[in-house]
Amino acid sequence: MRLGNSAVTKCLLALGSVLLIMSSMSWAADDDKDQTDISKRITKSAEVLNEIMATPDKAIPDKVMDHSKCIAVVPSIVKIAVGFGGEHGKGVVTCRAAKGWTAPAPISITGGSWGLQLGGQAIDLVMVVTNDEGMQHLLASKFKLGADASAAAGPVGRDTAADTDISMRAEVLTYSRARGVFAGIDLSGAVVKQDKDETALLYGKPIPFADILNGKVAATPGSEPFLAAVRKYSGQARQQSEATSPAPATTASAK
């Protein structure tokens, strides 16, 4: 028995509805996974900063953190080299604003350096923007290390006095923690830019990079561990404590 045209049409419509529902469920699952990935990356960025600062002789100097304009953390940059090297990673950055550290902005870093290398490793990276010029390059949403912004490996040691010459000349100080076979990471030519897709996922809509890093966007609850770590090591918590603590009592001079 042959189905009439109306029966065929109904079957096609039902099949189409099923496929549409299944596709919607798949897209929703992908969005949930991406959202989870961003949350994990923010949490991991906090862990990286805490772990680096917990090793006094290898940590970022307090003076560097105290005078930082922006702090970016990129956990687990993948560096693979077979004849040539290349890096790719995702992380978050926050900058000082009038009311404290801003909501984190998702970033990506990509780049490469030629050389006779063979192997691969994962590297945790912290970048400290040291001055207003470096901050303006960052706010431009995309800049190249070593070209648009000068970069240098930063001095280490919590109690180490920051190298004045390096700090004044380099707009970005870099700190890397390698867990593989390489001794360090060369970021010359690497491009740092806003991750627009992850920004939209994190905040529910596209937001300009400068708006986030100028303090115009409220931080999500999941960002607090990262921001708390930045406040802790940047001196903000110490400065606020000093500002709110009562002034020492003065004694009247003896007549």
C-alpha atoms as a PDB file:
ATOM      1  CA  MET A   1       0.000   0.000   0.000  1.00  0.00           C
ATOM      2  CA  ARG A   2       1.383   3.358  -0.994  1.00  0.00           C
ATOM      3  CA  LEU A   3       1.428   6.277   1.383  1.00  0.00           C
ATOM      4  CA  GLY A   4      -0.434   9.382   0.259  1.00  0.00           C
ATOM      5  CA  ASN A   5       1.313  12.682  -0.228  1.00  0.00           C
ATOM      6  CA  SER A   6       0.006  13.958   3.127  1.00  0.00           C
ATOM      7  CA  ALA A   7       1.377  10.919   4.951  1.00  0.00           C
ATOM      8  CA  VAL A   8       4.784  11.346   3.323  1.00  0.00           C
ATOM      9  CA  THR A   9       4.785  15.021   4.245  1.00  0.00           C
ATOM     10  CA  LYS A  10       3.930  14.226   7.872  1.00  0.00           C
ATOM     11  CA  CYS A  11       6.730  11.640   8.040  1.00  0.00           C
ATOM     12  CA  LEU A  12       9.256  14.115   6.647  1.00  0.00           C
ATOM     13  CA  LEU A  13       8.143  16.814   9.069  1.00  0.00           C
ATOM     14  CA  ALA A  14       8.411  14.414  12.021  1.00  0.00           C
ATOM     15  CA  LEU A  15      11.881  13.296  10.918  1.00  0.00           C
ATOM     16  CA  GLY A  16      12.968  16.891  10.498  1.00  0.00           C
ATOM     17  CA  SER A  17      11.715  17.765  13.971  1.00  0.00           C
ATOM     18  CA  VAL A  18      13.641  14.870  15.510  1.00  0.00           C
ATOM     19  CA  LEU A  19      16.844  15.891  13.726  1.00  0.00           C
ATOM     20  CA  LEU A  20      16.389  19.525  14.815  1.00  0.00           C
ATOM     21  CA  ILE A  21      15.906  18.517  18.456  1.00  0.00           C
ATOM     22  CA  MET A  22      18.964  16.255  18.359  1.00  0.00           C
ATOM     23  CA  SER A  23      21.062  19.020  16.804  1.00  0.00           C
ATOM     24  CA  SER A  24      19.914  21.509  19.451  1.00  0.00           C
ATOM     25  CA  MET A  25      20.832  19.079  22.215  1.00  0.00           C
ATOM     26  CA  SER A  26      24.279  18.600  20.656  1.00  0.00           C
ATOM     27  CA  TRP A  27      24.858  22.361  20.394  1.00  0.00           C
ATOM     28  CA  ALA A  28      23.753  22.855  23.989  1.00  0.00           C
ATOM     29  CA  ALA A  29      26.140  20.124  25.123  1.00  0.00           C
ATOM     30  CA  ASP A  30      28.997  21.773  23.196  1.00  0.00           C
ATOM     31  CA  ASP A  31      28.203  25.155  24.802  1.00  0.00           C
ATOM     32  CA  ASP A  32      28.162  23.579  28.269  1.00  0.00           C
ATOM     33  CA  LYS A  33      31.515  21.928  27.577  1.00  0.00           C
ATOM     34  CA  ASP A  34      33.027  25.202  26.349  1.00  0.00           C
ATOM     35  CA  GLN A  35      31.691  27.025  29.412  1.00  0.00           C
ATOM     36  CA  THR A  36      33.206  24.350  31.652  1.00  0.00           C
ATOM     37  CA  ASP A  37      36.537  24.659  29.828  1.00  0.00           C
ATOM     38  CA  ILE A  38      36.638  28.415  30.478  1.00  0.00           C
ATOM     39  CA  SER A  39      35.818  27.953  34.168  1.00  0.00           C
ATOM     40  CA  LYS A  40      38.526  25.316  34.514  1.00  0.00           C
ATOM     41  CA  ARG A  41      41.039  27.580  32.768  1.00  0.00           C
ATOM     42  CA  ILE A  42      40.321  30.456  35.155  1.00  0.00           C
ATOM     43  CA  THR A  43      40.673  28.129  38.149  1.00  0.00           C
ATOM     44  CA  LYS A  44      43.889  26.684  36.737  1.00  0.00           C
ATOM     45  CA  SER A  45      45.281  30.189  36.200  1.00  0.00           C
ATOM     46  CA  ALA A  46      44.777  30.870  39.908  1.00  0.00           C
ATOM     47  CA  GLU A  47      46.537  27.611  40.784  1.00  0.00           C
ATOM     48  CA  VAL A  48      49.504  28.429  38.520  1.00  0.00           C
ATOM     49  CA  LEU A  49      49.971  31.862  40.085  1.00  0.00           C
ATOM     50  CA  ASN A  50      49.705  30.461  43.618  1.00  0.00           C
ATOM     51  CA  GLU A  51      52.183  27.670  42.869  1.00  0.00           C
ATOM     52  CA  ILE A  52      54.740  29.974  41.249  1.00  0.00           C
ATOM     53  CA  MET A  53      54.555  32.479  44.099  1.00  0.00           C
ATOM     54  CA  ALA A  54      54.804  29.679  46.681  1.00  0.00           C
ATOM     55  CA  THR A  55      58.426  29.001  45.677  1.00  0.00           C
ATOM     56  CA  PRO A  56      60.254  32.036  47.163  1.00  0.00           C
ATOM     57  CA  ASP A  57      63.530  31.649  45.273  1.00  0.00           C
ATOM     58  CA  LYS A  58      61.791  31.213  41.898  1.00  0.00           C
ATOM     59  CA  ALA A  59      58.781  33.476  42.401  1.00  0.00           C
ATOM     60  CA  ILE A  60      58.012  36.810  40.773  1.00  0.00           C
ATOM     61  CA  PRO A  61      59.534  39.596  42.923  1.00  0.00           C
ATOM     62  CA  ASP A  62      57.069  41.437  45.135  1.00  0.00           C
ATOM     63  CA  LYS A  63      58.237  44.753  43.674  1.00  0.00           C
ATOM     64  CA  VAL A  64      57.358  43.587  40.171  1.00  0.00           C
ATOM     65  CA  MET A  65      53.907  42.486  41.299  1.00  0.00           C
ATOM     66  CA  ASP A  66      53.361  45.657  43.344  1.00  0.00           C
ATOM     67  CA  HIS A  67      53.983  47.890  40.315  1.00  0.00           C
ATOM     68  CA  SER A  68      52.302  45.704  37.692  1.00  0.00           C
ATOM     69  CA  LYS A  69      49.678  47.240  35.393  1.00  0.00           C
ATOM     70  CA  CYS A  70      48.247  43.958  34.108  1.00  0.00           C
ATOM     71  CA  ILE A  71      48.811  40.290  34.903  1.00  0.00           C
ATOM     72  CA  ALA A  72      48.145  37.489  32.428  1.00  0.00           C
ATOM     73  CA  VAL A  73      48.320  33.770  33.153  1.00  0.00           C
ATOM     74  CA  VAL A  74      48.325  31.130  30.430  1.00  0.00           C
ATOM     75  CA  PRO A  75      48.294  27.615  31.910  1.00  0.00           C
ATOM     76  CA  SER A  76      49.742  24.773  29.871  1.00  0.00           C
ATOM     77  CA  ILE A  77      50.973  26.419  26.696  1.00  0.00           C
ATOM     78  CA  VAL A  78      51.703  23.576  24.320  1.00  0.00           C
ATOM     79  CA  LYS A  79      55.100  23.872  22.681  1.00  0.00           C
ATOM     80  CA  ILE A  80      55.814  21.296  20.005  1.00  0.00           C
ATOM     81  CA  ALA A  81      58.936  21.250  17.899  1.00  0.00           C
ATOM     82  CA  VAL A  82      59.918  18.986  15.030  1.00  0.00           C
ATOM     83  CA  GLY A  83      62.466  21.010  13.071  1.00  0.00           C
ATOM     84  CA  PHE A  84      60.761  24.237  14.123  1.00  0.00           C
ATOM     85  CA  GLY A  85      59.078  25.428  17.280  1.00  0.00           C
ATOM     86  CA  GLY A  86      55.602  26.725  17.907  1.00  0.00           C
ATOM     87  CA  GLU A  87      53.453  27.757  20.852  1.00  0.00           C
ATOM     88  CA  HIS A  88      49.731  27.967  21.435  1.00  0.00           C
ATOM     89  CA  GLY A  89      47.818  28.538  24.616  1.00  0.00           C
ATOM     90  CA  LYS A  90      44.774  30.159  26.207  1.00  0.00           C
ATOM     91  CA  GLY A  91      44.492  32.056  29.450  1.00  0.00           C
ATOM     92  CA  VAL A  92      43.119  35.159  31.137  1.00  0.00           C
ATOM     93  CA  VAL A  93      44.332  38.666  31.915  1.00  0.00           C
ATOM     94  CA  THR A  94      43.294  41.330  34.396  1.00  0.00           C
ATOM     95  CA  CYS A  95      44.403  44.961  34.733  1.00  0.00           C
ATOM     96  CA  ARG A  96      44.437  47.561  37.482  1.00  0.00           C
ATOM     97  CA  ALA A  97      41.522  49.984  37.345  1.00  0.00           C
ATOM     98  CA  ALA A  98      40.230  52.729  39.617  1.00  0.00           C
ATOM     99  CA  LYS A  99      38.321  50.233  41.776  1.00  0.00           C
ATOM    100  CA  GLY A 100      40.904  47.447  41.807  1.00  0.00           C
ATOM    101  CA  TRP A 101      41.615  44.555  39.470  1.00  0.00           C
ATOM    102  CA  THR A 102      39.220  44.130  36.575  1.00  0.00           C
ATOM    103  CA  ALA A 103      37.185  41.127  35.533  1.00  0.00           C
ATOM    104  CA  PRO A 104      39.371  38.626  33.671  1.00  0.00           C
ATOM    105  CA  ALA A 105      39.458  38.777  29.882  1.00  0.00           C
ATOM    106  CA  PRO A 106      40.117  35.564  27.913  1.00  0.00           C
ATOM    107  CA  ILE A 107      43.232  35.676  25.728  1.00  0.00           C
ATOM    108  CA  SER A 108      45.106  33.424  23.366  1.00  0.00           C
ATOM    109  CA  ILE A 109      48.795  33.366  22.530  1.00  0.00           C
ATOM    110  CA  THR A 110      50.243  31.916  19.362  1.00  0.00           C
ATOM    111  CA  GLY A 111      53.692  32.100  17.861  1.00  0.00           C
ATOM    112  CA  GLY A 112      56.786  30.235  16.889  1.00  0.00           C
ATOM    113  CA  SER A 113      60.550  30.315  16.797  1.00  0.00           C
ATOM    114  CA  TRP A 114      62.743  28.453  14.327  1.00  0.00           C
ATOM    115  CA  GLY A 115      65.502  26.228  15.600  1.00  0.00           C
ATOM    116  CA  LEU A 116      66.854  22.716  15.657  1.00  0.00           C
ATOM    117  CA  GLN A 117      64.457  21.337  18.250  1.00  0.00           C
ATOM    118  CA  LEU A 118      62.778  18.008  18.720  1.00  0.00           C
ATOM    119  CA  GLY A 119      60.245  17.262  21.403  1.00  0.00           C
ATOM    120  CA  GLY A 120      57.295  18.833  23.141  1.00  0.00           C
ATOM    121  CA  GLN A 121      56.315  20.213  26.490  1.00  0.00           C
ATOM    122  CA  ALA A 122      53.603  22.026  28.396  1.00  0.00           C
ATOM    123  CA  ILE A 123      54.554  25.371  29.911  1.00  0.00           C
ATOM    124  CA  ASP A 124      52.775  27.574  32.418  1.00  0.00           C
ATOM    125  CA  LEU A 125      53.271  31.235  31.574  1.00  0.00           C
ATOM    126  CA  VAL A 126      52.789  34.444  33.549  1.00  0.00           C
ATOM    127  CA  MET A 127      53.153  37.806  31.807  1.00  0.00           C
ATOM    128  CA  VAL A 128      53.425  41.002  33.838  1.00  0.00           C
ATOM    129  CA  VAL A 129      52.726  44.277  32.030  1.00  0.00           C
ATOM    130  CA  THR A 130      54.986  46.798  33.728  1.00  0.00           C
ATOM    131  CA  ASN A 131      53.991  50.213  32.389  1.00  0.00           C
ATOM    132  CA  ASP A 132      51.267  52.267  30.725  1.00  0.00           C
ATOM    133  CA  GLU A 133      52.727  51.763  27.243  1.00  0.00           C
ATOM    134  CA  GLY A 134      52.512  47.990  27.602  1.00  0.00           C
ATOM    135  CA  MET A 135      48.980  48.300  28.934  1.00  0.00           C
ATOM    136  CA  GLN A 136      47.925  50.353  25.906  1.00  0.00           C
ATOM    137  CA  HIS A 137      49.332  47.672  23.587  1.00  0.00           C
ATOM    138  CA  LEU A 138      47.330  45.078  25.482  1.00  0.00           C
ATOM    139  CA  LEU A 139      44.128  47.134  25.309  1.00  0.00           C
ATOM    140  CA  ALA A 140      44.493  47.215  21.525  1.00  0.00           C
ATOM    141  CA  SER A 141      43.182  43.602  21.599  1.00  0.00           C
ATOM    142  CA  LYS A 142      46.187  42.238  19.692  1.00  0.00           C
ATOM    143  CA  PHE A 143      49.929  42.778  19.948  1.00  0.00           C
ATOM    144  CA  LYS A 144      53.141  40.988  19.073  1.00  0.00           C
ATOM    145  CA  LEU A 145      55.760  40.429  21.749  1.00  0.00           C
ATOM    146  CA  GLY A 146      59.144  41.777  20.781  1.00  0.00           C
ATOM    147  CA  ALA A 147      57.662  43.979  18.054  1.00  0.00           C
ATOM    148  CA  ASP A 148      54.684  45.970  19.327  1.00  0.00           C
ATOM    149  CA  ALA A 149      55.682  45.486  22.957  1.00  0.00           C
ATOM    150  CA  SER A 150      59.177  44.803  24.268  1.00  0.00           C
ATOM    151  CA  ALA A 151      59.441  41.662  26.369  1.00  0.00           C
ATOM    152  CA  ALA A 152      62.117  40.160  28.602  1.00  0.00           C
ATOM    153  CA  ALA A 153      62.478  37.303  31.034  1.00  0.00           C
ATOM    154  CA  GLY A 154      61.765  38.778  34.428  1.00  0.00           C
ATOM    155  CA  PRO A 155      63.961  38.652  37.538  1.00  0.00           C
ATOM    156  CA  VAL A 156      63.028  35.974  40.068  1.00  0.00           C
ATOM    157  CA  GLY A 157      62.897  35.701  43.855  1.00  0.00           C
ATOM    158  CA  ARG A 158      60.130  37.107  46.085  1.00  0.00           C
ATOM    159  CA  ASP A 159      62.579  39.358  47.939  1.00  0.00           C
ATOM    160  CA  THR A 160      64.686  40.248  44.913  1.00  0.00           C
ATOM    161  CA  ALA A 161      64.816  43.920  44.053  1.00  0.00           C
ATOM    162  CA  ALA A 162      63.465  44.293  40.526  1.00  0.00           C
ATOM    163  CA  ASP A 163      66.149  45.071  37.980  1.00  0.00           C
ATOM    164  CA  THR A 164      65.446  48.753  37.335  1.00  0.00           C
ATOM    165  CA  ASP A 165      66.999  48.709  33.857  1.00  0.00           C
ATOM    166  CA  ILE A 166      64.975  45.689  32.715  1.00  0.00           C
ATOM    167  CA  SER A 167      61.770  46.958  34.273  1.00  0.00           C
ATOM    168  CA  MET A 168      62.088  50.355  32.615  1.00  0.00           C
ATOM    169  CA  ARG A 169      62.934  48.999  29.185  1.00  0.00           C
ATOM    170  CA  ALA A 170      60.637  45.952  28.977  1.00  0.00           C
ATOM    171  CA  GLU A 171      56.916  46.539  28.734  1.00  0.00           C
ATOM    172  CA  VAL A 172      56.213  42.880  29.480  1.00  0.00           C
ATOM    173  CA  LEU A 173      58.135  40.632  31.872  1.00  0.00           C
ATOM    174  CA  THR A 174      57.647  36.914  31.288  1.00  0.00           C
ATOM    175  CA  TYR A 175      57.860  33.995  33.700  1.00  0.00           C
ATOM    176  CA  SER A 176      57.572  30.381  32.578  1.00  0.00           C
ATOM    177  CA  ARG A 177      57.436  27.105  34.430  1.00  0.00           C
ATOM    178  CA  ALA A 178      58.403  24.182  32.238  1.00  0.00           C
ATOM    179  CA  ARG A 179      57.466  20.611  33.034  1.00  0.00           C
ATOM    180  CA  GLY A 180      59.160  19.090  29.997  1.00  0.00           C
ATOM    181  CA  VAL A 181      62.555  18.820  28.357  1.00  0.00           C
ATOM    182  CA  PHE A 182      63.082  22.452  27.396  1.00  0.00           C
ATOM    183  CA  ALA A 183      64.768  24.908  29.724  1.00  0.00           C
ATOM    184  CA  GLY A 184      62.474  27.800  28.886  1.00  0.00           C
ATOM    185  CA  ILE A 185      60.292  29.435  26.282  1.00  0.00           C
ATOM    186  CA  ASP A 186      61.113  32.008  23.613  1.00  0.00           C
ATOM    187  CA  LEU A 187      58.125  34.298  23.073  1.00  0.00           C
ATOM    188  CA  SER A 188      59.701  36.514  20.427  1.00  0.00           C
ATOM    189  CA  GLY A 189      57.119  37.085  17.721  1.00  0.00           C
ATOM    190  CA  ALA A 190      54.288  35.483  19.683  1.00  0.00           C
ATOM    191  CA  VAL A 191      50.924  37.207  19.236  1.00  0.00           C
ATOM    192  CA  VAL A 192      48.713  37.879  22.247  1.00  0.00           C
ATOM    193  CA  LYS A 193      45.103  38.761  21.491  1.00  0.00           C
ATOM    194  CA  GLN A 194      41.591  38.674  22.878  1.00  0.00           C
ATOM    195  CA  ASP A 195      39.820  35.326  22.570  1.00  0.00           C
ATOM    196  CA  LYS A 196      36.502  36.677  21.323  1.00  0.00           C
ATOM    197  CA  ASP A 197      34.695  33.328  21.275  1.00  0.00           C
ATOM    198  CA  GLU A 198      35.532  32.577  24.895  1.00  0.00           C
ATOM    199  CA  THR A 199      34.714  36.152  25.897  1.00  0.00           C
ATOM    200  CA  ALA A 200      31.202  35.691  24.515  1.00  0.00           C
ATOM    201  CA  LEU A 201      30.845  32.365  26.311  1.00  0.00           C
ATOM    202  CA  LEU A 202      32.132  33.727  29.629  1.00  0.00           C
ATOM    203  CA  TYR A 203      29.996  36.881  29.686  1.00  0.00           C
ATOM    204  CA  GLY A 204      27.060  35.761  27.565  1.00  0.00           C
ATOM    205  CA  LYS A 205      27.747  38.248  24.768  1.00  0.00           C
ATOM    206  CA  PRO A 206      30.646  39.782  22.829  1.00  0.00           C
ATOM    207  CA  ILE A 207      32.354  42.506  24.847  1.00  0.00           C
ATOM    208  CA  PRO A 208      35.236  44.712  23.658  1.00  0.00           C
ATOM    209  CA  PHE A 209      38.574  43.884  25.243  1.00  0.00           C
ATOM    210  CA  ALA A 210      39.129  47.449  26.453  1.00  0.00           C
ATOM    211  CA  ASP A 211      35.735  47.544  28.199  1.00  0.00           C
ATOM    212  CA  ILE A 212      36.641  44.512  30.295  1.00  0.00           C
ATOM    213  CA  LEU A 213      40.163  45.646  31.139  1.00  0.00           C
ATOM    214  CA  ASN A 214      39.054  49.201  31.950  1.00  0.00           C
ATOM    215  CA  GLY A 215      36.762  47.866  34.660  1.00  0.00           C
ATOM    216  CA  LYS A 216      33.416  48.356  32.908  1.00  0.00           C
ATOM    217  CA  VAL A 217      32.347  44.706  33.285  1.00  0.00           C
ATOM    218  CA  ALA A 218      31.445  42.860  36.474  1.00  0.00           C
ATOM    219  CA  ALA A 219      33.459  39.720  37.195  1.00  0.00           C
ATOM    220  CA  THR A 220      31.662  36.377  37.223  1.00  0.00           C
ATOM    221  CA  PRO A 221      31.542  34.480  40.560  1.00  0.00           C
ATOM    222  CA  GLY A 222      33.847  31.821  39.132  1.00  0.00           C
ATOM    223  CA  SER A 223      36.557  34.423  38.547  1.00  0.00           C
ATOM    224  CA  GLU A 224      37.074  35.131  42.255  1.00  0.00           C
ATOM    225  CA  PRO A 225      39.843  32.539  42.905  1.00  0.00           C
ATOM    226  CA  PHE A 226      41.961  34.072  40.145  1.00  0.00           C
ATOM    227  CA  LEU A 227      41.291  37.659  41.188  1.00  0.00           C
ATOM    228  CA  ALA A 228      41.921  36.789  44.834  1.00  0.00           C
ATOM    229  CA  ALA A 229      45.347  35.390  43.920  1.00  0.00           C
ATOM    230  CA  VAL A 230      46.183  38.502  41.879  1.00  0.00           C
ATOM    231  CA  ARG A 231      45.118  40.799  44.729  1.00  0.00           C
ATOM    232  CA  LYS A 232      47.124  38.764  47.210  1.00  0.00           C
ATOM    233  CA  TYR A 233      50.406  38.964  45.325  1.00  0.00           C
ATOM    234  CA  SER A 234      50.042  42.404  43.753  1.00  0.00           C
ATOM    235  CA  GLY A 235      50.077  44.186  47.094  1.00  0.00           C
ATOM    236  CA  GLN A 236      46.490  45.414  46.805  1.00  0.00           C
ATOM    237  CA  ALA A 237      45.334  43.515  49.876  1.00  0.00           C
ATOM    238  CA  ARG A 238      48.307  44.818  51.853  1.00  0.00           C
ATOM    239  CA  GLN A 239      47.721  48.385  50.681  1.00  0.00           C
ATOM    240  CA  GLN A 240      44.011  48.242  51.543  1.00  0.00           C
ATOM    241  CA  SER A 241      44.838  46.871  54.983  1.00  0.00           C
ATOM    242  CA  GLU A 242      47.301  49.664  55.596  1.00  0.00           C
ATOM    243  CA  ALA A 243      44.800  52.272  54.395  1.00  0.00           C
ATOM    244  CA  THR A 244      42.032  51.050  56.720  1.00  0.00           C
ATOM    245  CA  SER A 245      44.174  50.350  59.784  1.00  0.00           C
ATOM    246  CA  PRO A 246      44.020  53.027  62.500  1.00  0.00           C
ATOM    247  CA  ALA A 247      46.906  55.432  62.732  1.00  0.00           C
ATOM    248  CA  PRO A 248      49.247  54.817  65.658  1.00  0.00           C
ATOM    249  CA  ALA A 249      48.443  56.894  68.708  1.00  0.00           C
ATOM    250  CA  THR A 250      50.723  59.809  69.330  1.00  0.00           C
ATOM    251  CA  THR A 251      51.877  60.729  72.777  1.00  0.00           C
ATOM    252  CA  ALA A 252      51.882  64.272  73.976  1.00  0.00           C
ATOM    253  CA  SER A 253      55.308  65.723  74.326  1.00  0.00           C
ATOM    254  CA  ALA A 254      56.477  66.310  77.848  1.00  0.00           C
ATOM    255  CA  LYS A 255      56.440  69.885  78.967  1.00  0.00           C
END
